Structures are given as C-alpha cells and as structure tokens.
C-alpha cells in the first residue's frame, strides 16, 4: 500500500505544471474549491437548478393569463319600455286679456299667487260707463211706461196692434241697450277663467289697455303633461290610456298615462307628438322642465345590468363581453329600458357569465381567468 501511494505521488509530481508546484498550498486549495463551485452552478448538480427553472417558467406562463371579474345573469319578465326625450307642459293655461279700453285702476294678484275661477285680476277705471248704464236704465223705465200705456189702449180698442208692437219693440231695444252697458261695465274687471297660479303679469297700475291687451298669465297646476316625439317605427306601439311615467331632470319620477298620440307627423322631423298626463295635486311640476318619458310597450325576458359593462365592438355594435370555458366572446345586446333602478337588456341567454371588471382590457378570443365578485384574484 505504501508503495502504491509513493508511485501516485511521484506521478502527480511529474504531471503538475511548474507554477502549480511552486504555488503555496493554501492558494491551490482555494482555486480547487472555486472550480468546484463554478462546476456546480453551471451544470446544476443533482438536477436542482433545472427543477427550479421549470417551476419558474410555469409560474410565468400562469401569470400571463389576465384575471377578470365576472357575474352570472338571470333573466326576468320585464316591460320593454320606449323612452322619449321631452319636457313638461301645462295642460291648461291662459293669458287673460282686456275686452274694453281703459286705464288700469288696480291689480289684485301678483306672480305666484293662487287664484280661483272668477277672481278679478286687473280692474280698469269705469269712467263714464256707470253714467251710461244709469241712462240706459232710465230709458228702459220710460219705454216700460210707454208699453204699459199702449197695452191698455190696445185692450180698450183705442190703439192698433201695430202701435202696440212698436211700443214693445222700443222697450226691448232699451233693455238690450241696458244689458250692453252692464256688460261694458262688467268688462272693466278682467277675471280669471280658470283656477291656478299667476305665472306672469304684463301691466302695471296706470297703464292704458286696449281691447286684446294681456293682463296676467294663469296656469292650472293639474293635470300637467310630459310632451315628446316618437318615430314612425314606434308610434304604432302606443295606445291612449296606457300607463307611462316621466323622469324629470331632477331625478324625480312621476307616474301617469298616455293622454294623446298625434295622427299627423311633423313635416320636418317625421315624428309624432305624444303627450303623457301627469298628476300634480301638490303643484310640484313646472312648465318646461326636461324629462325622459317612459312608455311600456310589451313584455320580454330581460336582464338587469350596470351600464358600465357595455362595450362596442369594431363595427360599433353595443354589447357585453362574456366568458365561456376561459375564452372571451362578444355578445350584442338590445336595451329595452334604462332608468334610475338600472338598465335592462335582451339578447343574452339566462345564466350567461359576463365580465363586469376588466372587459376593456381583453378582446374576442382572449384566454382569461374568471373570478367572481368577492373572490381573490
């Protein structure tokens, strides 16, 4: 054994380079250890490095698949609603006007005041109308006496029937003159023809009014209308008396019914006027407020969604993105109603899984990992 070791040492001394034999033994051991470490890292001793690399590649591939949040939609019976942009309008309103000339003596109601039918709004000066009425009354009294005398004479045979008829005609003419003067005097008071609120005043005390000049505007608070226009394709779906509603620009929703549907189209827009009658017992509605008119036209199976999940495809079609077996698909939808409670659409099968978060970042045919709301993504 000793001889073998001696022979190996002699061989090692012969094959060693000169510089290696002259090098300090500590340096030689450091170089040997360094070479072993490099060999380990480069070749992946025992396959450990290869296993780590494979796991890293698999994790990277998994992380490349985007995650989206989804929800499953269920259909319910829903009234398909025709929505029309319009405005509110008073059904009954009137500009009160003078029927005689005269100077305004008094104004009894101001803007915003509530009035009842028959209330005097503007009062004109009487001037000589009172005297003319007194004159007409005196003439009637005189003609009455002449008729009474003529009637007695006719009964006694002292007057012809023709003379009596002339006296009667004169009496009737005098009475007509009296009524004319009474009407003339009464017309110095401009009265409200309907009950409602004074919405505008056109004259002041001391103004001179001619026949036909406006005094005040009176608007009846109930009922009110929501007025809009529907297309040629939709007008045939509407029925007078059908339920309807109006959503005001303030967000308030008022229930009513279809009051009127035009039979003649507007020659410019080719649309038909539609009016919805709205209750307004508390006078909350105002004339001219923008409103969305909703009129149910039929019942369909629809799904409630958030408008935020709607997308457009390359052709500009409105729809949603769905997930089937991990693949994204575009499904077109049709909006049947839209209101404060949400949007209702048709065109999807009940149980469809739609993307609710992340639909903007995926395309048709993309592979995704779907997670439901509340799950860890």
Protein backbone atom coordinates (compact mmCIF):
# COMPACT_ATOMS: atom_id res chain seq x y z
CA UNK A 1 0.00 0.00 0.00
CA UNK A 2 2.84 2.32 0.89
CA UNK A 3 4.48 1.57 -2.46
CA UNK A 4 1.27 2.44 -4.35
CA UNK A 5 0.91 5.78 -2.60
CA UNK A 6 4.53 6.57 -3.31
CA UNK A 7 4.06 5.81 -7.03
CA UNK A 8 0.90 8.06 -7.19
CA UNK A 9 2.73 10.92 -5.52
CA UNK A 10 5.64 10.55 -7.93
CA UNK A 11 3.21 10.59 -10.90
CA UNK A 12 1.40 13.67 -9.56
CA UNK A 13 4.68 15.49 -9.14
CA UNK A 14 5.59 14.74 -12.79
CA UNK A 15 2.24 15.92 -14.30
CA UNK A 16 1.92 19.12 -12.25
CA UNK A 17 2.92 22.28 -14.06
CA UNK A 18 5.90 24.03 -12.65
CA UNK A 19 3.94 27.07 -11.48
CA UNK A 20 1.48 24.84 -9.62
CA UNK A 21 4.33 23.09 -7.73
CA UNK A 22 5.80 26.43 -6.77
CA UNK A 23 2.37 27.84 -5.60
CA UNK A 24 1.52 27.95 -1.88
CA UNK A 25 -0.72 25.05 -0.83
CA UNK A 26 -3.38 27.43 0.57
CA UNK A 27 -3.80 29.10 -2.82
CA UNK A 28 -4.05 25.77 -4.54
CA UNK A 29 -6.91 24.64 -2.28
CA UNK A 30 -8.78 27.95 -2.84
CA UNK A 31 -8.57 27.50 -6.62
CA UNK A 32 -9.84 23.93 -6.37
CA UNK A 33 -12.85 24.96 -4.23
CA UNK A 34 -13.69 27.83 -6.64
CA UNK A 35 -13.60 25.45 -9.60
CA UNK A 36 -16.00 23.06 -7.87
CA UNK A 37 -18.48 25.88 -7.13
CA UNK A 38 -18.43 27.04 -10.76
CA UNK A 39 -18.98 23.47 -11.88
CA UNK A 40 -21.98 23.14 -9.55
CA UNK A 41 -23.67 26.33 -10.74
CA UNK A 42 -23.01 25.65 -14.40
CA UNK A 43 -24.19 22.07 -14.56
CA UNK A 44 -26.97 22.07 -11.89
CA UNK A 45 -25.71 19.24 -9.78
CA UNK A 46 -28.40 16.71 -8.82
CA UNK A 47 -30.93 18.48 -11.20
CA UNK A 48 -31.97 21.09 -8.58
CA UNK A 49 -31.41 24.07 -10.86
CA UNK A 50 -33.43 22.52 -13.70
CA UNK A 51 -36.39 21.88 -11.40
CA UNK A 52 -36.35 25.48 -10.14
CA UNK A 53 -36.19 26.81 -13.71
CA UNK A 54 -39.15 24.66 -14.82
CA UNK A 55 -41.24 25.84 -11.87
CA UNK A 56 -40.35 29.46 -12.65
CA UNK A 57 -41.36 29.07 -16.32
CA UNK A 58 -44.69 27.50 -15.33
CA UNK A 59 -45.46 30.30 -12.89
CA UNK A 60 -44.62 32.92 -15.51
CA UNK A 61 -46.92 31.27 -18.04
CA UNK A 62 -49.75 31.19 -15.49
CA UNK A 63 -49.26 34.85 -14.62
CA UNK A 64 -49.54 35.83 -18.32
CA UNK A 65 -53.30 34.93 -18.32
CA UNK A 66 -55.26 38.05 -17.26
CA UNK A 67 -57.84 37.80 -14.50
CA UNK A 68 -61.32 39.34 -14.93
CA UNK A 69 -64.26 39.65 -12.57
CA UNK A 70 -67.47 38.03 -13.77
CA UNK A 71 -71.11 37.64 -12.78
CA UNK A 72 -73.86 35.30 -13.91
CA UNK A 73 -77.01 36.99 -15.26
CA UNK A 74 -80.53 35.64 -14.87
CA UNK A 75 -83.46 36.86 -16.99
CA UNK A 76 -86.78 38.10 -15.59
CA UNK A 77 -90.07 39.20 -17.23
CA UNK A 78 -89.77 42.89 -17.97
CA UNK A 79 -91.81 45.51 -19.80
CA UNK A 80 -89.92 46.70 -22.86
CA UNK A 81 -90.06 50.47 -22.49
CA UNK A 82 -89.99 53.15 -25.16
CA UNK A 83 -88.02 56.11 -23.83
CA UNK A 84 -88.57 59.55 -25.36
CA UNK A 85 -86.76 62.77 -24.52
CA UNK A 86 -89.24 65.57 -23.85
CA UNK A 87 -90.36 68.28 -21.45
CA UNK A 88 -93.19 69.12 -19.09
CA UNK A 89 -96.01 71.39 -20.15
CA UNK A 90 -99.14 72.72 -18.51
CA UNK A 91 -102.32 71.29 -19.99
CA UNK A 92 -104.45 74.36 -19.18
CA UNK A 93 -103.10 77.92 -19.22
CA UNK A 94 -104.49 81.25 -20.43
CA UNK A 95 -103.37 84.83 -20.99
CA UNK A 96 -106.21 86.92 -19.61
CA UNK A 97 -106.99 89.90 -21.89
CA UNK A 98 -108.93 93.14 -21.71
CA UNK A 99 -112.27 93.26 -23.53
CA UNK A 100 -112.64 97.05 -23.25
CA UNK A 101 -110.28 100.01 -23.39
CA UNK A 102 -109.26 101.73 -20.20
CA UNK A 103 -106.60 102.70 -17.67
CA UNK A 104 -105.56 100.06 -15.12
CA UNK A 105 -107.02 101.06 -11.75
CA UNK A 106 -105.88 98.08 -9.65
CA UNK A 107 -104.08 94.73 -9.85
CA UNK A 108 -105.38 92.29 -7.25
CA UNK A 109 -102.95 89.35 -7.67
CA UNK A 110 -99.21 89.17 -8.17
CA UNK A 111 -97.00 86.49 -9.73
CA UNK A 112 -97.07 83.26 -7.75
CA UNK A 113 -100.48 83.96 -6.17
CA UNK A 114 -103.11 81.24 -6.33
CA UNK A 115 -106.41 82.34 -7.90
CA UNK A 116 -109.80 80.75 -8.43
CA UNK A 117 -112.00 80.96 -11.48
CA UNK A 118 -113.89 84.28 -11.42
CA UNK A 119 -111.37 86.22 -9.31
CA UNK A 120 -110.71 89.76 -10.56
CA UNK A 121 -107.10 90.03 -11.71
CA UNK A 122 -106.97 93.54 -13.22
CA UNK A 123 -109.51 96.32 -12.76
CA UNK A 124 -109.91 99.21 -15.22
CA UNK A 125 -111.31 102.65 -14.48
CA UNK A 126 -115.10 102.86 -15.01
CA UNK A 127 -115.06 106.46 -16.34
CA UNK A 128 -118.50 107.31 -17.82
CA UNK A 129 -119.65 103.70 -18.11
CA UNK A 130 -121.60 103.98 -14.86
CA UNK A 131 -123.44 107.06 -16.12
CA UNK A 132 -124.25 105.35 -19.41
CA UNK A 133 -125.70 102.43 -17.50
CA UNK A 134 -127.87 104.77 -15.45
CA UNK A 135 -129.01 106.44 -18.67
CA UNK A 136 -129.88 103.05 -20.16
CA UNK A 137 -131.87 102.11 -17.06
CA UNK A 138 -133.82 105.38 -17.24
CA UNK A 139 -134.61 104.74 -20.88
CA UNK A 140 -135.87 101.24 -20.05
CA UNK A 141 -138.13 102.72 -17.37
CA UNK A 142 -139.52 105.24 -19.84
CA UNK A 143 -140.10 102.61 -22.54
CA UNK A 144 -141.76 100.37 -19.96
CA UNK A 145 -144.29 103.09 -19.16
CA UNK A 146 -144.96 103.68 -22.85
CA UNK A 147 -145.56 99.98 -23.37
CA UNK A 148 -147.89 99.77 -20.41
CA UNK A 149 -149.96 102.68 -21.80
CA UNK A 150 -150.01 101.23 -25.30
CA UNK A 151 -151.10 97.84 -23.96
CA UNK A 152 -154.02 99.40 -22.07
CA UNK A 153 -155.09 101.41 -25.11
CA UNK A 154 -154.96 98.31 -27.29
CA UNK A 155 -157.13 96.41 -24.85
CA UNK A 156 -159.65 99.29 -24.93
CA UNK A 157 -159.54 99.31 -28.70
CA UNK A 158 -158.08 102.82 -28.82
CA UNK A 159 -154.76 101.72 -30.38
CA UNK A 160 -154.00 99.46 -33.25
CA UNK A 161 -151.96 96.29 -32.81
CA UNK A 162 -149.20 97.84 -34.89
CA UNK A 163 -148.82 100.75 -32.48
CA UNK A 164 -148.59 98.34 -29.51
CA UNK A 165 -145.91 96.27 -31.27
CA UNK A 166 -143.87 99.39 -31.90
CA UNK A 167 -144.01 100.24 -28.20
CA UNK A 168 -142.92 96.68 -27.33
CA UNK A 169 -140.03 96.90 -29.81
CA UNK A 170 -138.87 100.17 -28.29
CA UNK A 171 -138.90 98.56 -24.81
CA UNK A 172 -136.84 95.58 -25.99
CA UNK A 173 -134.34 97.87 -27.64
CA UNK A 174 -133.97 99.85 -24.42
CA UNK A 175 -133.47 96.64 -22.43
CA UNK A 176 -130.79 95.49 -24.90
CA UNK A 177 -129.03 98.82 -24.51
CA UNK A 178 -129.08 98.39 -20.74
CA UNK A 179 -127.56 94.91 -20.98
CA UNK A 180 -124.86 96.26 -23.28
CA UNK A 181 -123.92 98.91 -20.76
CA UNK A 182 -123.94 96.36 -17.96
CA UNK A 183 -121.56 94.12 -19.92
CA UNK A 184 -119.35 97.09 -20.76
CA UNK A 185 -119.14 97.99 -17.08
CA UNK A 186 -118.51 94.38 -16.03
CA UNK A 187 -115.72 94.05 -18.57
CA UNK A 188 -113.70 96.67 -16.74
CA UNK A 189 -112.85 93.76 -14.42
CA UNK A 190 -110.54 91.18 -16.04
CA UNK A 191 -111.33 87.87 -14.33
CA UNK A 192 -109.51 84.54 -14.15
CA UNK A 193 -111.27 81.99 -16.39
CA UNK A 194 -109.62 79.02 -14.63
CA UNK A 195 -108.20 78.24 -11.20
CA UNK A 196 -104.44 78.12 -10.90
CA UNK A 197 -101.39 80.27 -10.26
CA UNK A 198 -100.48 83.66 -11.69
CA UNK A 199 -97.27 83.00 -13.61
CA UNK A 200 -96.74 86.39 -15.23
CA UNK A 201 -98.06 89.94 -15.11
CA UNK A 202 -97.99 92.16 -18.21
CA UNK A 203 -99.28 95.57 -16.98
CA UNK A 204 -98.92 97.95 -14.08
CA UNK A 205 -101.37 100.32 -12.40
CA UNK A 206 -101.81 103.37 -14.63
CA UNK A 207 -101.11 101.54 -17.91
CA UNK A 208 -103.60 102.03 -20.72
CA UNK A 209 -105.05 98.78 -22.02
CA UNK A 210 -106.71 98.34 -25.37
CA UNK A 211 -109.04 95.53 -26.31
CA UNK A 212 -106.98 92.36 -26.54
CA UNK A 213 -104.07 93.52 -24.38
CA UNK A 214 -102.83 90.91 -21.90
CA UNK A 215 -103.30 91.33 -18.18
CA UNK A 216 -101.87 88.22 -16.44
CA UNK A 217 -100.94 84.62 -17.28
CA UNK A 218 -102.75 81.93 -15.26
CA UNK A 219 -101.56 78.30 -15.30
CA UNK A 220 -103.66 75.45 -13.94
CA UNK A 221 -101.44 73.15 -11.82
CA UNK A 222 -103.29 69.94 -12.59
CA UNK A 223 -103.08 67.97 -14.69
CA UNK A 224 -99.68 68.51 -16.28
CA UNK A 225 -98.24 66.97 -19.42
CA UNK A 226 -94.94 65.43 -20.44
CA UNK A 227 -94.57 66.09 -24.17
CA UNK A 228 -92.22 64.34 -26.61
CA UNK A 229 -91.96 62.95 -30.12
CA UNK A 230 -91.75 59.32 -31.27
CA UNK A 231 -90.51 57.90 -34.56
CA UNK A 232 -92.54 56.37 -37.37
CA UNK A 233 -91.42 52.90 -36.28
CA UNK A 234 -92.64 53.34 -32.68
CA UNK A 235 -95.85 55.35 -32.97
CA UNK A 236 -97.92 52.25 -33.75
CA UNK A 237 -96.94 50.72 -30.40
CA UNK A 238 -98.63 53.48 -28.35
CA UNK A 239 -102.18 53.38 -27.00
CA UNK A 240 -104.11 56.24 -25.40
CA UNK A 241 -104.69 55.49 -21.72
CA UNK A 242 -101.69 53.14 -21.44
CA UNK A 243 -99.54 53.56 -18.30
CA UNK A 244 -96.48 55.77 -18.63
CA UNK A 245 -94.07 57.73 -16.48
CA UNK A 246 -91.73 60.69 -16.69
CA UNK A 247 -88.32 61.08 -15.08
CA UNK A 248 -87.52 64.74 -14.53
CA UNK A 249 -84.05 66.19 -14.87
CA UNK A 250 -84.01 66.40 -11.06
CA UNK A 251 -84.35 62.60 -10.87
CA UNK A 252 -87.95 62.66 -9.68
CA UNK A 253 -90.20 60.03 -11.28
CA UNK A 254 -93.93 60.72 -11.85
CA UNK A 255 -96.42 58.05 -12.91
CA UNK A 256 -99.13 58.92 -15.43
CA UNK A 257 -100.84 57.72 -18.60
CA UNK A 258 -100.74 58.37 -22.33
CA UNK A 259 -103.06 61.32 -22.98
CA UNK A 260 -102.60 61.97 -26.72
CA UNK A 261 -100.85 60.47 -29.75
CA UNK A 262 -100.74 62.56 -32.92
CA UNK A 263 -102.18 61.14 -36.14
CA UNK A 264 -100.15 63.51 -38.31
CA UNK A 265 -96.34 63.57 -38.42
CA UNK A 266 -94.29 66.71 -38.08
CA UNK A 267 -93.39 67.57 -41.71
CA UNK A 268 -89.81 68.47 -40.75
CA UNK A 269 -88.78 65.67 -38.38
CA UNK A 270 -91.27 62.98 -39.48
CA UNK A 271 -92.01 62.29 -35.82
CA UNK A 272 -95.33 62.13 -33.97
CA UNK A 273 -96.21 64.17 -30.90
CA UNK A 274 -97.07 62.16 -27.78
CA UNK A 275 -98.42 63.56 -24.52
CA UNK A 276 -98.43 61.86 -21.13
CA UNK A 277 -100.81 63.17 -18.47
CA UNK A 278 -99.20 63.58 -15.04
CA UNK A 279 -100.88 64.26 -11.70
CA UNK A 280 -99.78 67.46 -9.98
CA UNK A 281 -102.05 67.95 -6.97
CA UNK A 282 -99.25 69.48 -4.90
CA UNK A 283 -98.13 71.79 -7.75
CA UNK A 284 -94.57 70.41 -7.73
CA UNK A 285 -94.26 70.26 -11.51
CA UNK A 286 -93.14 73.25 -13.53
CA UNK A 287 -93.71 74.04 -17.19
CA UNK A 288 -90.73 73.46 -19.49
CA UNK A 289 -88.66 71.06 -17.36
CA UNK A 290 -86.66 68.45 -19.32
CA UNK A 291 -87.93 64.90 -18.79
CA UNK A 292 -87.44 61.37 -20.07
CA UNK A 293 -90.81 59.82 -20.94
CA UNK A 294 -91.05 56.05 -20.40
CA UNK A 295 -93.89 54.12 -22.06
CA UNK A 296 -94.05 50.29 -21.65
CA UNK A 297 -94.92 48.70 -24.99
CA UNK A 298 -94.60 44.91 -24.42
CA UNK A 299 -93.20 42.31 -22.00
CA UNK A 300 -89.94 40.44 -22.69
CA UNK A 301 -87.38 38.32 -20.85
CA UNK A 302 -84.65 40.79 -19.89
CA UNK A 303 -81.60 41.01 -17.65
CA UNK A 304 -80.61 43.86 -15.34
CA UNK A 305 -77.05 45.10 -15.81
CA UNK A 306 -74.85 48.06 -14.97
CA UNK A 307 -74.35 50.41 -17.94
CA UNK A 308 -70.63 50.37 -17.11
CA UNK A 309 -70.14 46.84 -18.50
CA UNK A 310 -71.34 47.75 -22.00
CA UNK A 311 -68.72 47.83 -24.76
CA UNK A 312 -68.60 48.47 -28.51
CA UNK A 313 -67.16 46.03 -31.00
CA UNK A 314 -65.19 47.05 -34.10
CA UNK A 315 -68.46 47.62 -36.00
CA UNK A 316 -69.88 49.95 -33.34
CA UNK A 317 -72.41 47.38 -32.05
CA UNK A 318 -73.35 47.65 -28.36
CA UNK A 319 -72.85 44.51 -26.31
CA UNK A 320 -71.05 42.80 -23.42
CA UNK A 321 -68.04 40.52 -23.13
CA UNK A 322 -68.76 37.01 -21.84
CA UNK A 323 -66.56 34.12 -20.71
CA UNK A 324 -67.09 30.56 -21.94
CA UNK A 325 -64.56 27.86 -20.93
CA UNK A 326 -61.97 30.54 -20.18
CA UNK A 327 -62.36 32.27 -23.57
CA UNK A 328 -63.73 35.80 -24.12
CA UNK A 329 -66.65 36.31 -26.53
CA UNK A 330 -68.58 39.43 -27.57
CA UNK A 331 -72.39 39.25 -27.35
CA UNK A 332 -74.60 42.04 -28.78
CA UNK A 333 -77.50 43.24 -26.60
CA UNK A 334 -80.56 45.44 -27.05
CA UNK A 335 -81.52 47.96 -24.39
CA UNK A 336 -85.22 47.69 -23.51
CA UNK A 337 -85.30 50.18 -20.62
CA UNK A 338 -82.95 52.45 -18.72
CA UNK A 339 -83.77 54.26 -15.51
CA UNK A 340 -82.58 55.08 -12.00
CA UNK A 341 -83.11 51.45 -10.94
CA UNK A 342 -80.73 50.14 -13.63
CA UNK A 343 -80.54 49.11 -17.27
CA UNK A 344 -82.42 46.13 -18.72
CA UNK A 345 -81.23 44.36 -21.88
CA UNK A 346 -82.19 41.42 -24.07
CA UNK A 347 -80.14 39.19 -26.35
CA UNK A 348 -78.44 37.01 -23.73
CA UNK A 349 -79.39 33.54 -22.57
CA UNK A 350 -80.29 33.19 -18.90
CA UNK A 351 -77.20 32.06 -16.96
CA UNK A 352 -74.70 33.86 -19.21
CA UNK A 353 -71.41 34.74 -17.50
CA UNK A 354 -70.44 38.32 -18.30
CA UNK A 355 -67.29 40.25 -17.47
CA UNK A 356 -68.04 43.05 -15.00
CA UNK A 357 -64.48 44.26 -14.32
CA UNK A 358 -61.67 44.20 -16.87
CA UNK A 359 -63.74 44.00 -20.06
CA UNK A 360 -61.86 46.96 -21.53
CA UNK A 361 -58.54 45.11 -21.44
CA UNK A 362 -59.48 41.87 -23.21
CA UNK A 363 -60.56 41.08 -26.76
CA UNK A 364 -62.56 38.46 -28.63
CA UNK A 365 -60.89 35.06 -28.27
CA UNK A 366 -58.60 36.04 -25.39
CA UNK A 367 -57.85 33.49 -22.68
CA UNK A 368 -58.74 34.74 -19.20
CA UNK A 369 -59.07 33.51 -15.65
CA UNK A 370 -62.57 34.35 -14.39
CA UNK A 371 -63.16 35.20 -10.73
CA UNK A 372 -66.47 36.12 -9.13
CA UNK A 373 -67.02 39.24 -7.05
CA UNK A 374 -65.52 38.80 -3.59
CA UNK A 375 -63.10 36.04 -4.67
CA UNK A 376 -59.33 36.56 -4.51
CA UNK A 377 -57.98 37.50 -7.94
